[in-house]
N, C-alpha and C. Protein backbone atom coordinates (compact mmCIF):
# COMPACT_ATOMS: atom_id res chain seq x y z
N UNK A 1 20.30 92.37 -10.85
CA UNK A 1 21.41 91.68 -10.29
C UNK A 1 20.95 90.79 -9.14
N UNK A 2 20.04 91.25 -8.37
CA UNK A 2 19.54 90.42 -7.29
C UNK A 2 18.80 89.22 -7.85
N UNK A 3 18.16 89.40 -9.04
CA UNK A 3 17.50 88.26 -9.66
C UNK A 3 18.52 87.22 -10.09
N UNK A 4 19.63 87.69 -10.62
CA UNK A 4 20.70 86.79 -11.03
C UNK A 4 21.25 86.05 -9.82
N UNK A 5 21.43 86.78 -8.74
CA UNK A 5 21.95 86.17 -7.51
C UNK A 5 20.97 85.13 -6.98
N UNK A 6 19.68 85.44 -7.00
CA UNK A 6 18.67 84.49 -6.53
C UNK A 6 18.65 83.24 -7.40
N UNK A 7 18.79 83.44 -8.73
CA UNK A 7 18.78 82.31 -9.67
C UNK A 7 20.00 81.43 -9.42
N UNK A 8 21.16 82.02 -9.21
CA UNK A 8 22.39 81.27 -8.97
C UNK A 8 22.29 80.52 -7.65
N UNK A 9 21.73 81.14 -6.64
CA UNK A 9 21.57 80.49 -5.34
C UNK A 9 20.64 79.31 -5.45
N UNK A 10 19.55 79.48 -6.20
CA UNK A 10 18.61 78.41 -6.39
C UNK A 10 19.26 77.22 -7.10
N UNK A 11 20.09 77.51 -8.11
CA UNK A 11 20.77 76.44 -8.84
C UNK A 11 21.73 75.70 -7.91
N UNK A 12 22.44 76.46 -7.09
CA UNK A 12 23.38 75.82 -6.16
C UNK A 12 22.63 74.94 -5.16
N UNK A 13 21.52 75.44 -4.67
CA UNK A 13 20.78 74.63 -3.71
C UNK A 13 20.18 73.41 -4.39
N UNK A 14 19.74 73.52 -5.66
CA UNK A 14 19.25 72.37 -6.41
C UNK A 14 20.37 71.37 -6.63
N UNK A 15 21.58 71.89 -6.97
CA UNK A 15 22.74 71.01 -7.20
C UNK A 15 23.11 70.29 -5.91
N UNK A 16 23.07 71.00 -4.78
CA UNK A 16 23.46 70.36 -3.52
C UNK A 16 22.43 69.31 -3.09
N UNK A 17 21.15 69.52 -3.43
CA UNK A 17 20.14 68.52 -3.11
C UNK A 17 20.30 67.28 -3.97
N UNK A 18 20.64 67.47 -5.24
CA UNK A 18 20.81 66.32 -6.13
C UNK A 18 22.10 65.57 -5.82
N UNK A 19 23.05 66.20 -5.13
CA UNK A 19 24.30 65.54 -4.79
C UNK A 19 24.16 64.64 -3.57
N UNK A 20 23.04 64.75 -2.86
CA UNK A 20 22.82 63.91 -1.68
C UNK A 20 22.60 62.47 -2.12
N UNK A 21 23.13 61.51 -1.37
CA UNK A 21 22.94 60.11 -1.75
C UNK A 21 21.47 59.71 -1.62
N UNK A 22 21.06 58.82 -2.51
CA UNK A 22 19.68 58.36 -2.54
C UNK A 22 19.40 57.42 -1.37
N UNK A 23 20.29 56.42 -1.15
CA UNK A 23 20.07 55.42 -0.11
C UNK A 23 20.66 55.90 1.20
N UNK A 24 19.92 55.73 2.25
CA UNK A 24 20.40 56.09 3.57
C UNK A 24 20.96 54.84 4.23
N UNK A 25 22.05 54.96 4.98
CA UNK A 25 22.59 53.78 5.68
C UNK A 25 21.61 53.30 6.75
N UNK A 26 21.70 52.01 7.06
CA UNK A 26 20.82 51.44 8.08
C UNK A 26 21.10 52.12 9.41
N UNK A 27 20.10 52.30 10.19
CA UNK A 27 20.32 52.92 11.50
C UNK A 27 21.29 52.07 12.32
N UNK A 28 22.11 52.72 13.13
CA UNK A 28 23.10 51.99 13.92
C UNK A 28 22.48 50.89 14.77
N UNK A 29 21.31 51.09 15.29
CA UNK A 29 20.71 50.06 16.14
C UNK A 29 20.42 48.79 15.35
N UNK A 30 20.06 48.90 14.09
CA UNK A 30 19.80 47.73 13.26
C UNK A 30 21.11 46.96 12.99
N UNK A 31 22.17 47.71 12.73
CA UNK A 31 23.48 47.06 12.52
C UNK A 31 23.89 46.29 13.77
N UNK A 32 23.67 46.89 14.92
CA UNK A 32 24.03 46.22 16.17
C UNK A 32 23.22 44.94 16.35
N UNK A 33 21.94 44.99 15.98
CA UNK A 33 21.10 43.79 16.09
C UNK A 33 21.59 42.69 15.16
N UNK A 34 21.98 43.06 13.95
CA UNK A 34 22.48 42.06 12.99
C UNK A 34 23.77 41.44 13.51
N UNK A 35 24.67 42.27 14.01
CA UNK A 35 25.95 41.76 14.54
C UNK A 35 25.70 40.88 15.76
N UNK A 36 24.83 41.33 16.65
CA UNK A 36 24.52 40.54 17.85
C UNK A 36 23.89 39.20 17.46
N UNK A 37 23.01 39.22 16.47
CA UNK A 37 22.39 37.98 16.00
C UNK A 37 23.41 37.02 15.42
N UNK A 38 24.35 37.55 14.63
CA UNK A 38 25.39 36.70 14.04
C UNK A 38 26.28 36.10 15.12
N UNK A 39 26.64 36.90 16.11
CA UNK A 39 27.47 36.41 17.22
C UNK A 39 26.71 35.34 18.00
N UNK A 40 25.43 35.59 18.28
CA UNK A 40 24.62 34.61 19.02
C UNK A 40 24.52 33.30 18.25
N UNK A 41 24.31 33.38 16.94
CA UNK A 41 24.24 32.18 16.11
C UNK A 41 25.55 31.41 16.15
N UNK A 42 26.67 32.13 16.06
CA UNK A 42 27.98 31.47 16.11
C UNK A 42 28.18 30.77 17.45
N UNK A 43 27.77 31.40 18.54
CA UNK A 43 27.91 30.80 19.87
C UNK A 43 27.05 29.54 19.97
N UNK A 44 25.81 29.62 19.53
CA UNK A 44 24.91 28.47 19.59
C UNK A 44 25.46 27.31 18.76
N UNK A 45 25.94 27.60 17.55
CA UNK A 45 26.50 26.54 16.71
C UNK A 45 27.75 25.93 17.33
N UNK A 46 28.57 26.76 17.96
CA UNK A 46 29.77 26.24 18.62
C UNK A 46 29.41 25.32 19.78
N UNK A 47 28.44 25.74 20.57
CA UNK A 47 28.00 24.92 21.71
C UNK A 47 27.40 23.61 21.21
N UNK A 48 26.54 23.69 20.20
CA UNK A 48 25.91 22.47 19.66
C UNK A 48 26.97 21.52 19.10
N UNK A 49 27.94 22.06 18.40
CA UNK A 49 29.01 21.22 17.86
C UNK A 49 29.83 20.57 18.95
N UNK A 50 30.12 21.32 20.01
CA UNK A 50 30.86 20.76 21.13
C UNK A 50 30.10 19.65 21.83
N UNK A 51 28.82 19.87 22.04
CA UNK A 51 27.99 18.84 22.67
C UNK A 51 27.95 17.60 21.80
N UNK A 52 27.73 17.78 20.51
CA UNK A 52 27.68 16.63 19.60
C UNK A 52 28.99 15.86 19.64
N UNK A 53 30.12 16.58 19.65
CA UNK A 53 31.43 15.93 19.64
C UNK A 53 31.64 15.10 20.90
N UNK A 54 31.27 15.65 22.06
CA UNK A 54 31.52 14.94 23.31
C UNK A 54 30.46 13.92 23.67
N UNK A 55 29.24 14.09 23.18
CA UNK A 55 28.17 13.16 23.53
C UNK A 55 28.16 11.94 22.61
N UNK A 56 28.59 12.09 21.38
CA UNK A 56 28.55 10.98 20.43
C UNK A 56 29.95 10.58 20.01
N UNK A 57 30.66 9.92 20.88
CA UNK A 57 32.00 9.49 20.50
C UNK A 57 31.92 8.45 19.40
N UNK A 58 32.81 8.54 18.45
CA UNK A 58 32.76 7.58 17.34
C UNK A 58 33.93 6.62 17.39
N UNK A 59 34.90 6.87 18.24
CA UNK A 59 36.03 5.96 18.33
C UNK A 59 36.50 5.89 19.78
N UNK A 60 37.24 4.84 20.06
CA UNK A 60 37.69 4.60 21.43
C UNK A 60 39.18 4.91 21.55
N UNK A 61 39.52 5.54 22.66
CA UNK A 61 40.91 5.90 22.91
C UNK A 61 41.64 4.85 23.75
N UNK A 62 40.92 3.85 24.24
CA UNK A 62 41.54 2.80 25.05
C UNK A 62 40.76 1.50 24.83
N UNK A 63 41.37 0.36 25.13
CA UNK A 63 40.64 -0.91 25.00
C UNK A 63 39.38 -0.94 25.87
N UNK A 64 39.48 -0.41 27.08
CA UNK A 64 38.32 -0.40 27.98
C UNK A 64 37.19 0.46 27.40
N UNK A 65 37.53 1.61 26.84
CA UNK A 65 36.51 2.49 26.26
C UNK A 65 35.85 1.82 25.05
N UNK A 66 36.62 1.05 24.29
CA UNK A 66 36.04 0.33 23.14
C UNK A 66 34.95 -0.63 23.62
N UNK A 67 35.21 -1.34 24.71
CA UNK A 67 34.22 -2.28 25.25
C UNK A 67 33.00 -1.52 25.76
N UNK A 68 33.21 -0.40 26.43
CA UNK A 68 32.08 0.40 26.92
C UNK A 68 31.20 0.87 25.75
N UNK A 69 31.82 1.39 24.69
CA UNK A 69 31.06 1.86 23.53
C UNK A 69 30.35 0.71 22.83
N UNK A 70 30.99 -0.44 22.81
CA UNK A 70 30.41 -1.64 22.20
C UNK A 70 29.14 -2.06 22.95
N UNK A 71 29.23 -2.13 24.27
CA UNK A 71 28.08 -2.52 25.09
C UNK A 71 26.97 -1.48 24.96
N UNK A 72 27.32 -0.21 24.96
CA UNK A 72 26.31 0.85 24.80
C UNK A 72 25.61 0.73 23.45
N UNK A 73 26.36 0.43 22.39
CA UNK A 73 25.76 0.28 21.06
C UNK A 73 24.83 -0.93 21.02
N UNK A 74 25.25 -2.02 21.66
CA UNK A 74 24.38 -3.20 21.74
C UNK A 74 23.09 -2.86 22.47
N UNK A 75 23.23 -2.17 23.59
CA UNK A 75 22.07 -1.81 24.41
C UNK A 75 21.10 -0.91 23.66
N UNK A 76 21.62 0.08 22.95
CA UNK A 76 20.76 1.05 22.26
C UNK A 76 20.31 0.58 20.88
N UNK A 77 21.00 -0.45 20.34
CA UNK A 77 20.68 -0.90 18.99
C UNK A 77 21.20 0.04 17.92
N UNK A 78 22.18 0.87 18.27
CA UNK A 78 22.75 1.85 17.34
C UNK A 78 23.75 1.17 16.40
N UNK A 79 23.27 0.79 15.22
CA UNK A 79 24.09 0.04 14.27
C UNK A 79 25.30 0.84 13.80
N UNK A 80 25.14 2.14 13.57
CA UNK A 80 26.26 2.95 13.11
C UNK A 80 27.37 2.99 14.16
N UNK A 81 26.99 3.22 15.42
CA UNK A 81 27.98 3.24 16.50
C UNK A 81 28.60 1.86 16.67
N UNK A 82 27.79 0.83 16.55
CA UNK A 82 28.28 -0.54 16.66
C UNK A 82 29.37 -0.81 15.62
N UNK A 83 29.10 -0.41 14.38
CA UNK A 83 30.08 -0.64 13.30
C UNK A 83 31.36 0.16 13.51
N UNK A 84 31.26 1.29 14.22
CA UNK A 84 32.44 2.11 14.49
C UNK A 84 33.38 1.44 15.49
N UNK A 85 32.84 0.59 16.38
CA UNK A 85 33.67 0.03 17.45
C UNK A 85 33.95 -1.45 17.28
N UNK A 86 33.64 -2.01 16.11
CA UNK A 86 34.02 -3.41 15.85
C UNK A 86 35.14 -3.42 14.82
N UNK A 87 35.93 -4.48 14.86
CA UNK A 87 37.07 -4.59 13.96
C UNK A 87 36.60 -4.78 12.51
N UNK A 88 37.50 -4.54 11.58
CA UNK A 88 37.18 -4.62 10.15
C UNK A 88 36.65 -6.00 9.78
N UNK A 89 37.26 -7.04 10.33
CA UNK A 89 36.83 -8.41 10.01
C UNK A 89 35.37 -8.64 10.43
N UNK A 90 35.00 -8.20 11.63
CA UNK A 90 33.61 -8.35 12.09
C UNK A 90 32.65 -7.48 11.28
N UNK A 91 33.10 -6.28 10.92
CA UNK A 91 32.27 -5.37 10.13
C UNK A 91 32.00 -5.96 8.75
N UNK A 92 33.04 -6.54 8.12
CA UNK A 92 32.87 -7.17 6.81
C UNK A 92 31.91 -8.35 6.89
N UNK A 93 32.04 -9.14 7.94
CA UNK A 93 31.15 -10.28 8.13
C UNK A 93 29.70 -9.82 8.33
N UNK A 94 29.51 -8.77 9.11
CA UNK A 94 28.17 -8.23 9.34
C UNK A 94 27.57 -7.69 8.04
N UNK A 95 28.38 -6.96 7.27
CA UNK A 95 27.90 -6.42 5.98
C UNK A 95 27.54 -7.54 5.02
N UNK A 96 28.36 -8.60 4.98
CA UNK A 96 28.08 -9.73 4.09
C UNK A 96 26.78 -10.42 4.49
N UNK A 97 26.56 -10.58 5.79
CA UNK A 97 25.31 -11.19 6.27
C UNK A 97 24.10 -10.35 5.85
N UNK A 98 24.22 -9.04 5.98
CA UNK A 98 23.11 -8.16 5.61
C UNK A 98 22.86 -8.20 4.11
N UNK A 99 23.93 -8.25 3.31
CA UNK A 99 23.77 -8.33 1.85
C UNK A 99 23.14 -9.65 1.43
N UNK A 100 23.40 -10.71 2.20
CA UNK A 100 22.85 -12.03 1.89
C UNK A 100 21.39 -12.15 2.34
N UNK A 101 20.86 -11.09 2.92
CA UNK A 101 19.46 -11.11 3.32
C UNK A 101 19.24 -11.41 4.78
N UNK A 102 20.30 -11.64 5.53
CA UNK A 102 20.16 -11.86 6.96
C UNK A 102 20.00 -10.50 7.62
N UNK A 103 18.78 -10.17 7.97
CA UNK A 103 18.53 -8.84 8.52
C UNK A 103 18.74 -8.78 10.02
N UNK A 104 19.33 -9.81 10.58
CA UNK A 104 19.50 -9.83 12.03
C UNK A 104 20.60 -8.85 12.44
N UNK A 105 20.21 -7.62 12.48
CA UNK A 105 21.09 -6.56 12.94
C UNK A 105 21.36 -6.81 14.42
N UNK A 106 22.30 -6.09 14.98
CA UNK A 106 22.65 -6.29 16.38
C UNK A 106 21.41 -6.28 17.26
N UNK A 107 21.27 -7.31 18.03
CA UNK A 107 20.17 -7.39 18.98
C UNK A 107 18.79 -7.43 18.35
N UNK A 108 18.68 -7.81 17.09
CA UNK A 108 17.38 -7.81 16.42
C UNK A 108 16.43 -8.74 17.15
N UNK A 109 15.27 -8.23 17.47
CA UNK A 109 14.26 -9.04 18.13
C UNK A 109 14.48 -9.19 19.62
N UNK A 110 15.57 -8.67 20.12
CA UNK A 110 15.87 -8.77 21.55
C UNK A 110 15.76 -7.38 22.15
N UNK A 111 14.96 -7.26 23.19
CA UNK A 111 14.83 -5.99 23.89
C UNK A 111 15.63 -6.06 25.18
N UNK A 112 16.53 -5.11 25.35
CA UNK A 112 17.34 -5.01 26.56
C UNK A 112 16.75 -3.93 27.44
N UNK A 113 16.73 -4.16 28.74
CA UNK A 113 16.33 -3.12 29.68
C UNK A 113 17.10 -3.34 30.98
N UNK A 114 17.09 -2.33 31.81
CA UNK A 114 17.81 -2.39 33.10
C UNK A 114 19.25 -2.86 32.90
N UNK A 115 19.92 -2.32 31.89
CA UNK A 115 21.28 -2.74 31.57
C UNK A 115 22.27 -2.01 32.47
N UNK A 116 23.15 -2.77 33.07
CA UNK A 116 24.29 -2.19 33.78
C UNK A 116 25.50 -3.04 33.43
N UNK A 117 26.63 -2.40 33.38
CA UNK A 117 27.84 -3.14 33.03
C UNK A 117 29.03 -2.53 33.75
N UNK A 118 30.07 -3.32 33.82
CA UNK A 118 31.31 -2.85 34.41
C UNK A 118 32.46 -3.45 33.64
N UNK A 119 33.36 -2.60 33.22
CA UNK A 119 34.59 -3.06 32.56
C UNK A 119 35.62 -3.21 33.67
N UNK A 120 36.21 -4.41 33.76
CA UNK A 120 37.04 -4.72 34.92
C UNK A 120 38.53 -4.75 34.63
N UNK A 121 38.96 -4.14 33.57
CA UNK A 121 40.39 -4.09 33.31
C UNK A 121 40.77 -4.74 32.01
N UNK A 122 41.97 -4.41 31.58
CA UNK A 122 42.47 -4.92 30.30
C UNK A 122 43.81 -5.58 30.51
N UNK A 123 44.01 -6.68 29.80
CA UNK A 123 45.26 -7.43 29.86
C UNK A 123 45.91 -7.38 28.48
N UNK A 124 47.14 -6.88 28.43
CA UNK A 124 47.85 -6.77 27.17
C UNK A 124 48.30 -8.15 26.71
N UNK A 125 47.96 -8.50 25.46
CA UNK A 125 48.35 -9.78 24.87
C UNK A 125 49.49 -9.56 23.89
N UNK A 126 49.32 -8.58 23.03
CA UNK A 126 50.35 -8.14 22.08
C UNK A 126 50.34 -6.62 22.12
N UNK A 127 51.20 -5.98 21.33
CA UNK A 127 51.28 -4.51 21.39
C UNK A 127 49.94 -3.84 21.07
N UNK A 128 49.19 -4.40 20.13
CA UNK A 128 47.91 -3.80 19.73
C UNK A 128 46.72 -4.74 19.96
N UNK A 129 46.87 -5.65 20.92
CA UNK A 129 45.79 -6.61 21.21
C UNK A 129 45.65 -6.72 22.74
N UNK A 130 44.41 -6.57 23.20
CA UNK A 130 44.12 -6.69 24.63
C UNK A 130 42.92 -7.60 24.84
N UNK A 131 42.88 -8.21 26.02
CA UNK A 131 41.68 -8.90 26.50
C UNK A 131 41.08 -7.98 27.55
N UNK A 132 39.78 -7.70 27.39
CA UNK A 132 39.11 -6.80 28.33
C UNK A 132 37.97 -7.56 29.00
N UNK A 133 38.04 -7.63 30.33
CA UNK A 133 37.02 -8.34 31.12
C UNK A 133 35.86 -7.40 31.43
N UNK A 134 34.66 -7.98 31.45
CA UNK A 134 33.46 -7.19 31.71
C UNK A 134 32.44 -8.01 32.48
N UNK A 135 31.50 -7.31 33.08
CA UNK A 135 30.31 -7.90 33.68
C UNK A 135 29.11 -7.15 33.13
N UNK A 136 28.11 -7.89 32.70
CA UNK A 136 26.87 -7.27 32.21
C UNK A 136 25.70 -7.87 32.98
N UNK A 137 24.83 -6.98 33.44
CA UNK A 137 23.57 -7.39 34.06
C UNK A 137 22.47 -6.70 33.27
N UNK A 138 21.44 -7.46 32.91
CA UNK A 138 20.35 -6.87 32.12
C UNK A 138 19.13 -7.76 32.18
N UNK A 139 18.04 -7.17 31.79
CA UNK A 139 16.80 -7.92 31.59
C UNK A 139 16.62 -7.98 30.07
N UNK A 140 16.43 -9.20 29.55
CA UNK A 140 16.22 -9.33 28.11
C UNK A 140 14.86 -9.95 27.85
N UNK A 141 14.27 -9.50 26.77
CA UNK A 141 13.00 -10.06 26.32
C UNK A 141 13.16 -10.48 24.88
N UNK A 142 12.75 -11.73 24.61
CA UNK A 142 12.85 -12.26 23.26
C UNK A 142 11.69 -13.22 23.04
N UNK A 143 10.97 -13.01 21.97
CA UNK A 143 9.87 -13.90 21.58
C UNK A 143 8.88 -14.10 22.73
N UNK A 144 8.57 -12.99 23.42
CA UNK A 144 7.59 -13.05 24.50
C UNK A 144 8.13 -13.57 25.82
N UNK A 145 9.36 -14.02 25.85
CA UNK A 145 9.98 -14.54 27.06
C UNK A 145 10.86 -13.44 27.68
N UNK A 146 10.95 -13.44 28.99
CA UNK A 146 11.75 -12.45 29.70
C UNK A 146 12.66 -13.16 30.69
N UNK A 147 13.89 -12.71 30.77
CA UNK A 147 14.80 -13.27 31.76
C UNK A 147 15.88 -12.26 32.11
N UNK A 148 16.47 -12.44 33.29
CA UNK A 148 17.57 -11.59 33.72
C UNK A 148 18.87 -12.32 33.44
N UNK A 149 19.85 -11.56 33.00
CA UNK A 149 21.17 -12.16 32.80
C UNK A 149 22.17 -11.44 33.68
N UNK A 150 23.14 -12.18 34.11
CA UNK A 150 24.25 -11.65 34.90
C UNK A 150 25.45 -12.45 34.44
N UNK A 151 26.25 -11.86 33.59
CA UNK A 151 27.32 -12.63 32.97
C UNK A 151 28.65 -11.89 33.01
N UNK A 152 29.70 -12.68 33.15
CA UNK A 152 31.07 -12.17 33.06
C UNK A 152 31.64 -12.69 31.75
N UNK A 153 32.51 -11.92 31.17
CA UNK A 153 33.12 -12.37 29.93
C UNK A 153 34.36 -11.57 29.58
N UNK A 154 34.90 -11.88 28.44
CA UNK A 154 36.10 -11.22 27.95
C UNK A 154 35.94 -10.93 26.47
N UNK A 155 36.25 -9.71 26.09
CA UNK A 155 36.28 -9.34 24.67
C UNK A 155 37.73 -9.15 24.25
N UNK A 156 38.02 -9.52 23.02
CA UNK A 156 39.32 -9.23 22.43
C UNK A 156 39.19 -7.86 21.76
N UNK A 157 40.14 -6.99 22.06
CA UNK A 157 40.13 -5.63 21.50
C UNK A 157 41.44 -5.42 20.76
N UNK A 158 41.34 -4.92 19.53
CA UNK A 158 42.52 -4.70 18.70
C UNK A 158 42.59 -3.23 18.29
N UNK A 159 43.80 -2.80 17.98
CA UNK A 159 43.97 -1.42 17.51
C UNK A 159 44.03 -1.44 15.99
N UNK A 160 43.10 -0.71 15.36
CA UNK A 160 43.04 -0.60 13.90
C UNK A 160 42.95 0.87 13.54
N UNK A 161 43.80 1.30 12.64
CA UNK A 161 43.78 2.68 12.15
C UNK A 161 43.78 3.70 13.30
N UNK A 162 44.50 3.38 14.36
CA UNK A 162 44.63 4.30 15.48
C UNK A 162 43.52 4.23 16.52
N UNK A 163 42.48 3.43 16.27
CA UNK A 163 41.36 3.32 17.20
C UNK A 163 41.25 1.90 17.74
N UNK A 164 40.77 1.78 18.97
CA UNK A 164 40.55 0.48 19.58
C UNK A 164 39.17 -0.04 19.19
N UNK A 165 39.12 -1.34 18.79
CA UNK A 165 37.87 -1.94 18.32
C UNK A 165 37.72 -3.35 18.89
N UNK A 166 36.49 -3.69 19.25
CA UNK A 166 36.17 -5.03 19.73
C UNK A 166 36.16 -5.96 18.53
N UNK A 167 36.79 -7.14 18.71
CA UNK A 167 36.90 -8.09 17.59
C UNK A 167 36.50 -9.48 18.09
N UNK A 168 35.20 -9.78 18.00
CA UNK A 168 34.71 -11.07 18.49
C UNK A 168 35.18 -12.23 17.64
N UNK A 169 35.50 -12.00 16.39
CA UNK A 169 35.92 -13.10 15.53
C UNK A 169 37.35 -13.55 15.83
N UNK A 170 38.09 -12.74 16.53
CA UNK A 170 39.48 -13.09 16.85
C UNK A 170 39.52 -13.87 18.15
N UNK A 171 40.13 -15.01 18.11
CA UNK A 171 40.25 -15.87 19.30
C UNK A 171 41.70 -15.86 19.77
N UNK A 172 41.87 -15.87 21.07
CA UNK A 172 43.22 -15.91 21.65
C UNK A 172 43.41 -17.18 22.43
């Protein structure tokens, strides 16, 4: 009888061992590291997205801001930004020139340095049309020649698709 009892006990212990799960869960510290890593990644991506949004404006909320973005795009030679802040008519003209083989992109061959500018106010002409006065001071180099410019001028700024855009082709 004791042999029977020992045999039954052995079977039960064998059954209980085989009932144990094969895979063990990851240690809690590893789970915490994974969660912390995911949270850190989300924070970094959020910060990077916020910086990108605020550092690279693609549209202007006012006529004055449109002129500022326009001058900055001219200064940096940023064609994509330039196209974002010019009116549709100027953009179409620029695209047509490029398709015709005129590669004279904004400021092509002209190097700007020591650029400073001031937007001096906007005058409403129509509900969605303003004249914006500016002053630009810069050193320009072209074809081996260098000179300083100090100029005042006026840009026409129009509202298109909810954004303000500089429109040099429009005369008032």
